[in-house]
Amino acid sequence: MRPRDWVALVGLSLIWGTSYLFIKVAVRDFSPATLVTVRLGLAGLLLAGVAGFQRRPFPRSLRTWAKLLFLGAASGGVPISLIAWGERTISSGAASVLNATTPLWSVLFTAWTREEPLRPWRLAGVAVGFAGVVVLTDPAQAARADLLGSGAVVLASALYAWGILYARRNFAHLDPVVLAVGSLGGGAVALFPMAVWSGLPASPTREAVASLLALSVFGSAVAYLLFYHLVLHVSPTQTALVTYLNPVTAVFWGWLILGESVTASTVAGLALTVAGVAAVGRGVPESPRGVGRRRGTSY
């Protein structure tokens, strides 16, 4: 991974490290479908304005737009809704641990599709990184989590991993900002009927509204730009490593803002996680843009 890719990965984890907390607050007043629809819709409109102002090229093919909508629904709207639904019965810490299975799913999917070879050092890095995430958070807390809520987050993690691979294979030449707009819009459109059925809360608290706005602007608009930079420039498993770093950044924000203590187990978890991420981040994979060009994809 190049320095700019590491910057994008760390920046994305700093943003998404707070998302579990914001979701936990917002979902108290907003239904999961309404929360995700508004979050993705606002973020999509914001980035669409940016793309239009910068005159970025939008795809002309209806087939490409259909694929973008599908990507947004299957790897954006649905998994985010599953996490929001799961956090109604499990803690944000448990959700972050379960979501950290994304790189494990990525290893399985990319091996099955032969996107990435199963190198021993990469498998070891994934295992060490996951061990670090477990040490960072309370394993007993995750073990006590509600079964259905936990299953929802694990399913969301599998969809995230699949979405990374799907985006690399189908949108190699697409501008990252336009890709983010299409994905956000697809997620919002897919969940809009459920949001209408769920409705808006009569009098949401200021905390819930502020959390929703933070999730829209930073957790989606800015984060999706960084995310799709990684999708288009590094391997699927390397992109999925952000779910390992999310608990690390959550610890950082807790120490910086809330004054939470950092224990010996915290340091050990941080060390294991960083070591795992460094191992999987070794090497620079072939750019997916070259793959897309050979396939002659039309936009």
Protein backbone atom coordinates (compact mmCIF):
# COMPACT_ATOMS: atom_id res chain seq x y z
CA MET A 1 0.00 0.00 0.00
CA ARG A 2 1.21 3.49 -0.87
CA PRO A 3 1.39 6.32 1.68
CA ARG A 4 -1.80 7.92 0.30
CA ASP A 5 -3.62 4.60 0.74
CA TRP A 6 -2.52 4.38 4.37
CA VAL A 7 -3.72 7.96 4.92
CA ALA A 8 -7.10 7.08 3.42
CA LEU A 9 -7.35 3.91 5.54
CA VAL A 10 -6.48 5.67 8.80
CA GLY A 11 -8.68 8.66 7.97
CA LEU A 12 -11.62 6.37 7.21
CA SER A 13 -11.14 4.49 10.46
CA LEU A 14 -11.02 7.76 12.43
CA ILE A 15 -14.41 8.68 10.96
CA TRP A 16 -16.06 5.26 11.18
CA GLY A 17 -14.66 4.66 14.66
CA THR A 18 -17.32 7.05 15.97
CA SER A 19 -20.15 5.76 13.79
CA TYR A 20 -21.21 2.97 16.15
CA LEU A 21 -21.74 5.53 18.89
CA PHE A 22 -23.70 7.89 16.63
CA ILE A 23 -25.85 5.00 15.39
CA LYS A 24 -26.53 3.92 18.97
CA VAL A 25 -27.76 7.43 19.81
CA ALA A 26 -29.74 8.07 16.60
CA VAL A 27 -31.52 4.70 16.54
CA ARG A 28 -33.20 5.54 19.87
CA ASP A 29 -35.51 7.94 18.00
CA PHE A 30 -35.24 6.97 14.32
CA SER A 31 -36.16 3.57 12.91
CA PRO A 32 -33.23 1.79 11.22
CA ALA A 33 -34.77 2.23 7.74
CA THR A 34 -35.48 5.93 8.28
CA LEU A 35 -32.06 6.52 9.81
CA VAL A 36 -30.19 4.91 6.92
CA THR A 37 -32.38 6.42 4.18
CA VAL A 38 -31.92 9.97 5.49
CA ARG A 39 -28.23 9.38 6.19
CA LEU A 40 -27.42 8.06 2.72
CA GLY A 41 -29.81 10.40 0.92
CA LEU A 42 -28.35 13.55 2.45
CA ALA A 43 -24.80 12.34 1.83
CA GLY A 44 -25.63 11.46 -1.79
CA LEU A 45 -27.14 14.87 -2.46
CA LEU A 46 -24.11 16.58 -0.93
CA LEU A 47 -21.65 14.62 -3.08
CA ALA A 48 -23.84 15.01 -6.18
CA GLY A 49 -23.56 18.78 -5.75
CA VAL A 50 -19.78 18.47 -5.41
CA ALA A 51 -19.55 16.26 -8.51
CA GLY A 52 -21.73 18.63 -10.52
CA PHE A 53 -19.76 21.69 -9.44
CA GLN A 54 -16.50 19.99 -10.41
CA ARG A 55 -18.06 18.72 -13.66
CA ARG A 56 -17.10 15.14 -13.01
CA PRO A 57 -18.27 12.72 -15.72
CA PHE A 58 -21.37 10.71 -14.83
CA PRO A 59 -21.98 7.37 -16.57
CA ARG A 60 -24.27 7.42 -19.62
CA SER A 61 -25.12 3.73 -19.53
CA LEU A 62 -28.41 2.72 -17.87
CA ARG A 63 -26.83 -0.65 -17.12
CA THR A 64 -24.08 1.05 -15.13
CA TRP A 65 -26.65 3.04 -13.14
CA ALA A 66 -28.59 -0.16 -12.44
CA LYS A 67 -25.43 -1.78 -11.12
CA LEU A 68 -24.71 1.28 -8.99
CA LEU A 69 -28.17 1.14 -7.46
CA PHE A 70 -27.72 -2.57 -6.79
CA LEU A 71 -24.33 -1.93 -5.17
CA GLY A 72 -25.78 0.82 -2.98
CA ALA A 73 -28.64 -1.37 -1.84
CA ALA A 74 -26.77 -4.64 -1.28
CA SER A 75 -23.54 -3.30 0.24
CA GLY A 76 -24.72 0.03 1.66
CA GLY A 77 -28.35 0.41 2.62
CA VAL A 78 -29.00 -3.17 3.71
CA PRO A 79 -25.85 -3.75 5.83
CA ILE A 80 -26.04 -0.33 7.51
CA SER A 81 -29.68 -1.05 8.36
CA LEU A 82 -28.70 -4.46 9.72
CA ILE A 83 -26.09 -2.86 12.00
CA ALA A 84 -28.56 -0.21 13.15
CA TRP A 85 -31.16 -2.90 13.82
CA GLY A 86 -28.62 -5.05 15.63
CA GLU A 87 -27.55 -2.18 17.87
CA ARG A 88 -31.05 -2.02 19.26
CA THR A 89 -30.24 -5.17 21.22
CA ILE A 90 -26.43 -5.31 21.37
CA SER A 91 -23.83 -2.77 22.48
CA SER A 92 -21.81 -0.63 20.09
CA GLY A 93 -18.67 -2.41 21.34
CA ALA A 94 -20.09 -5.82 20.45
CA ALA A 95 -21.14 -4.48 17.04
CA SER A 96 -17.60 -3.25 16.35
CA VAL A 97 -16.14 -6.68 17.20
CA LEU A 98 -18.64 -8.54 15.01
CA ASN A 99 -18.17 -6.06 12.16
CA ALA A 100 -14.44 -6.80 12.34
CA THR A 101 -15.18 -10.15 10.69
CA THR A 102 -15.27 -8.26 7.36
CA PRO A 103 -11.61 -9.04 6.47
CA LEU A 104 -12.24 -12.71 7.26
CA TRP A 105 -15.15 -12.74 4.80
CA SER A 106 -12.98 -10.88 2.30
CA VAL A 107 -10.28 -13.55 2.51
CA LEU A 108 -12.88 -16.25 1.85
CA PHE A 109 -14.54 -14.41 -1.05
CA THR A 110 -11.32 -13.38 -2.78
CA ALA A 111 -9.89 -16.89 -2.45
CA TRP A 112 -13.08 -18.37 -3.90
CA THR A 113 -13.02 -15.95 -6.86
CA ARG A 114 -9.19 -16.16 -7.15
CA GLU A 115 -8.93 -12.39 -6.73
CA GLU A 116 -6.16 -12.80 -4.14
CA PRO A 117 -3.93 -15.83 -3.44
CA LEU A 118 -4.04 -17.28 0.07
CA ARG A 119 -0.55 -16.23 1.16
CA PRO A 120 0.46 -17.45 4.65
CA TRP A 121 1.54 -14.00 5.86
CA ARG A 122 -1.79 -12.51 4.82
CA LEU A 123 -3.79 -15.19 6.63
CA ALA A 124 -1.60 -14.72 9.69
CA GLY A 125 -2.12 -10.96 9.54
CA VAL A 126 -5.90 -11.35 9.38
CA ALA A 127 -5.86 -13.72 12.36
CA VAL A 128 -3.56 -11.51 14.44
CA GLY A 129 -5.57 -8.40 13.62
CA PHE A 130 -8.83 -10.05 14.65
CA ALA A 131 -7.24 -11.24 17.89
CA GLY A 132 -6.22 -7.65 18.57
CA VAL A 133 -9.80 -6.44 18.05
CA VAL A 134 -11.09 -9.04 20.51
CA VAL A 135 -8.49 -8.04 23.11
CA LEU A 136 -9.31 -4.34 22.61
CA THR A 137 -12.97 -4.87 23.44
CA ASP A 138 -14.67 -6.91 26.13
CA PRO A 139 -15.02 -10.50 24.82
CA ALA A 140 -17.64 -11.28 27.48
CA GLN A 141 -19.69 -8.35 26.23
CA ALA A 142 -19.73 -9.79 22.74
CA ALA A 143 -20.49 -13.25 24.08
CA ARG A 144 -23.54 -11.93 25.95
CA ALA A 145 -24.84 -10.15 22.85
CA ASP A 146 -28.30 -10.93 21.53
CA LEU A 147 -28.15 -13.77 18.98
CA LEU A 148 -30.34 -12.15 16.31
CA GLY A 149 -28.67 -8.76 16.71
CA SER A 150 -25.25 -10.36 16.45
CA GLY A 151 -26.26 -12.36 13.40
CA ALA A 152 -27.49 -9.18 11.71
CA VAL A 153 -24.09 -7.48 12.16
CA VAL A 154 -22.19 -10.56 10.92
CA LEU A 155 -24.40 -10.68 7.82
CA ALA A 156 -23.74 -6.97 7.28
CA SER A 157 -20.01 -7.67 7.46
CA ALA A 158 -20.28 -10.36 4.78
CA LEU A 159 -22.21 -7.95 2.54
CA TYR A 160 -19.54 -5.27 3.05
CA ALA A 161 -16.81 -7.71 1.97
CA TRP A 162 -18.83 -8.82 -1.07
CA GLY A 163 -19.55 -5.19 -2.03
CA ILE A 164 -15.84 -4.33 -2.11
CA LEU A 165 -15.19 -7.14 -4.55
CA TYR A 166 -18.25 -6.28 -6.68
CA ALA A 167 -17.26 -2.60 -6.91
CA ARG A 168 -13.69 -3.44 -7.95
CA ARG A 169 -14.91 -5.73 -10.70
CA ASN A 170 -17.62 -3.48 -12.12
CA PHE A 171 -16.56 0.14 -11.60
CA ALA A 172 -12.83 0.20 -12.24
CA HIS A 173 -12.95 3.26 -14.52
CA LEU A 174 -15.62 5.21 -12.68
CA ASP A 175 -14.70 8.45 -10.92
CA PRO A 176 -14.59 7.75 -7.14
CA VAL A 177 -16.90 10.70 -6.34
CA VAL A 178 -19.45 9.55 -8.92
CA LEU A 179 -19.14 5.99 -7.63
CA ALA A 180 -19.87 7.24 -4.11
CA VAL A 181 -22.88 9.24 -5.35
CA GLY A 182 -24.35 6.23 -7.13
CA SER A 183 -23.77 3.90 -4.20
CA LEU A 184 -25.26 6.32 -1.65
CA GLY A 185 -28.24 7.00 -3.90
CA GLY A 186 -28.82 3.30 -4.46
CA GLY A 187 -28.90 2.61 -0.76
CA ALA A 188 -31.33 5.47 -0.09
CA VAL A 189 -33.67 4.50 -2.94
CA ALA A 190 -33.75 0.84 -1.88
CA LEU A 191 -34.78 1.66 1.68
CA PHE A 192 -37.09 4.58 0.91
CA PRO A 193 -40.33 2.50 0.91
CA MET A 194 -39.47 1.05 4.34
CA ALA A 195 -38.59 4.53 5.62
CA VAL A 196 -41.97 5.86 4.48
CA TRP A 197 -43.69 2.95 6.19
CA SER A 198 -41.68 3.51 9.40
CA GLY A 199 -42.22 7.26 9.36
CA LEU A 200 -40.36 10.02 11.18
CA PRO A 201 -40.33 10.41 14.96
CA ALA A 202 -42.74 13.05 16.27
CA SER A 203 -40.14 14.89 18.33
CA PRO A 204 -36.60 13.52 18.00
CA THR A 205 -34.05 14.70 20.53
CA ARG A 206 -31.32 17.12 19.56
CA GLU A 207 -28.75 14.42 20.25
CA ALA A 208 -30.43 12.03 17.79
CA VAL A 209 -30.69 14.71 15.07
CA ALA A 210 -27.07 15.78 15.58
CA SER A 211 -25.94 12.15 15.41
CA LEU A 212 -27.88 11.67 12.16
CA LEU A 213 -26.32 14.77 10.61
CA ALA A 214 -22.83 13.65 11.69
CA LEU A 215 -23.45 10.24 10.15
CA SER A 216 -24.63 11.87 6.90
CA VAL A 217 -21.85 14.42 6.40
CA PHE A 218 -18.85 12.67 7.89
CA GLY A 219 -19.85 9.02 8.31
CA SER A 220 -21.18 8.77 4.74
CA ALA A 221 -20.24 11.65 2.39
CA VAL A 222 -16.61 12.06 3.46
CA ALA A 223 -16.16 8.43 4.45
CA TYR A 224 -17.44 7.05 1.14
CA LEU A 225 -14.90 9.14 -0.78
CA LEU A 226 -12.09 7.59 1.25
CA PHE A 227 -13.67 4.15 1.09
CA TYR A 228 -13.98 4.07 -2.69
CA HIS A 229 -10.46 5.39 -3.10
CA LEU A 230 -9.35 2.27 -1.25
CA VAL A 231 -11.73 0.01 -3.20
CA LEU A 232 -10.26 1.18 -6.51
CA HIS A 233 -6.60 1.23 -5.50
CA VAL A 234 -5.88 -1.57 -3.01
CA SER A 235 -6.98 -5.18 -2.58
CA PRO A 236 -10.39 -6.13 -1.11
CA THR A 237 -8.84 -7.56 2.07
CA GLN A 238 -6.70 -4.45 2.55
CA THR A 239 -9.79 -2.26 2.17
CA ALA A 240 -11.70 -4.40 4.68
CA LEU A 241 -8.97 -3.77 7.27
CA VAL A 242 -10.75 -0.55 8.20
CA THR A 243 -13.06 -2.66 10.37
CA TYR A 244 -10.00 -3.71 12.41
CA LEU A 245 -8.95 -0.11 12.89
CA ASN A 246 -12.41 1.15 13.88
CA PRO A 247 -12.17 -0.18 17.46
CA VAL A 248 -8.64 1.27 17.66
CA THR A 249 -9.86 4.73 16.74
CA ALA A 250 -12.83 4.30 19.09
CA VAL A 251 -10.33 3.78 21.91
CA PHE A 252 -8.43 6.86 20.74
CA TRP A 253 -11.54 9.05 20.74
CA GLY A 254 -12.53 7.71 24.16
CA TRP A 255 -9.12 8.60 25.56
CA LEU A 256 -8.96 12.01 23.87
CA ILE A 257 -12.52 13.25 24.43
CA LEU A 258 -13.88 11.26 27.37
CA GLY A 259 -10.64 10.79 29.29
CA GLU A 260 -11.05 7.01 29.36
CA SER A 261 -8.11 5.05 30.75
CA VAL A 262 -5.76 2.99 28.60
CA THR A 263 -4.90 -0.32 30.27
CA ALA A 264 -2.22 -2.91 29.55
CA SER A 265 -4.76 -5.07 27.69
CA THR A 266 -5.67 -2.03 25.59
CA VAL A 267 -2.03 -1.55 24.60
CA ALA A 268 -1.70 -5.27 23.82
CA GLY A 269 -4.84 -5.17 21.67
CA LEU A 270 -3.60 -2.09 19.84
CA ALA A 271 -0.24 -3.74 19.16
CA LEU A 272 -1.82 -6.93 17.81
CA THR A 273 -4.25 -5.02 15.63
CA VAL A 274 -1.60 -2.74 14.15
CA ALA A 275 0.70 -5.73 13.53
CA GLY A 276 -2.08 -7.58 11.72
CA VAL A 277 -2.97 -4.56 9.60
CA ALA A 278 0.70 -4.03 8.70
CA ALA A 279 1.06 -7.67 7.64
CA VAL A 280 -2.00 -7.65 5.38
CA GLY A 281 -1.05 -4.22 4.03
CA ARG A 282 2.25 -5.50 2.61
CA GLY A 283 2.73 -5.16 -1.12
CA VAL A 284 0.86 -3.25 -3.80
CA PRO A 285 -1.75 -5.29 -5.68
CA GLU A 286 -2.49 -4.79 -9.34
CA SER A 287 -4.77 -1.82 -9.85
CA PRO A 288 -8.32 -2.93 -10.60
CA ARG A 289 -8.46 -0.20 -13.24
CA GLY A 290 -6.24 -2.35 -15.40
CA VAL A 291 -8.58 -5.30 -14.94
CA GLY A 292 -11.59 -3.25 -15.95
CA ARG A 293 -9.79 -1.98 -19.05
CA ARG A 294 -9.00 -5.49 -20.22
CA ARG A 295 -12.62 -6.49 -19.79
CA GLY A 296 -13.73 -3.59 -21.95
CA THR A 297 -16.41 -2.38 -19.55
CA SER A 298 -18.51 0.42 -21.06
CA TYR A 299 -19.58 3.50 -19.13
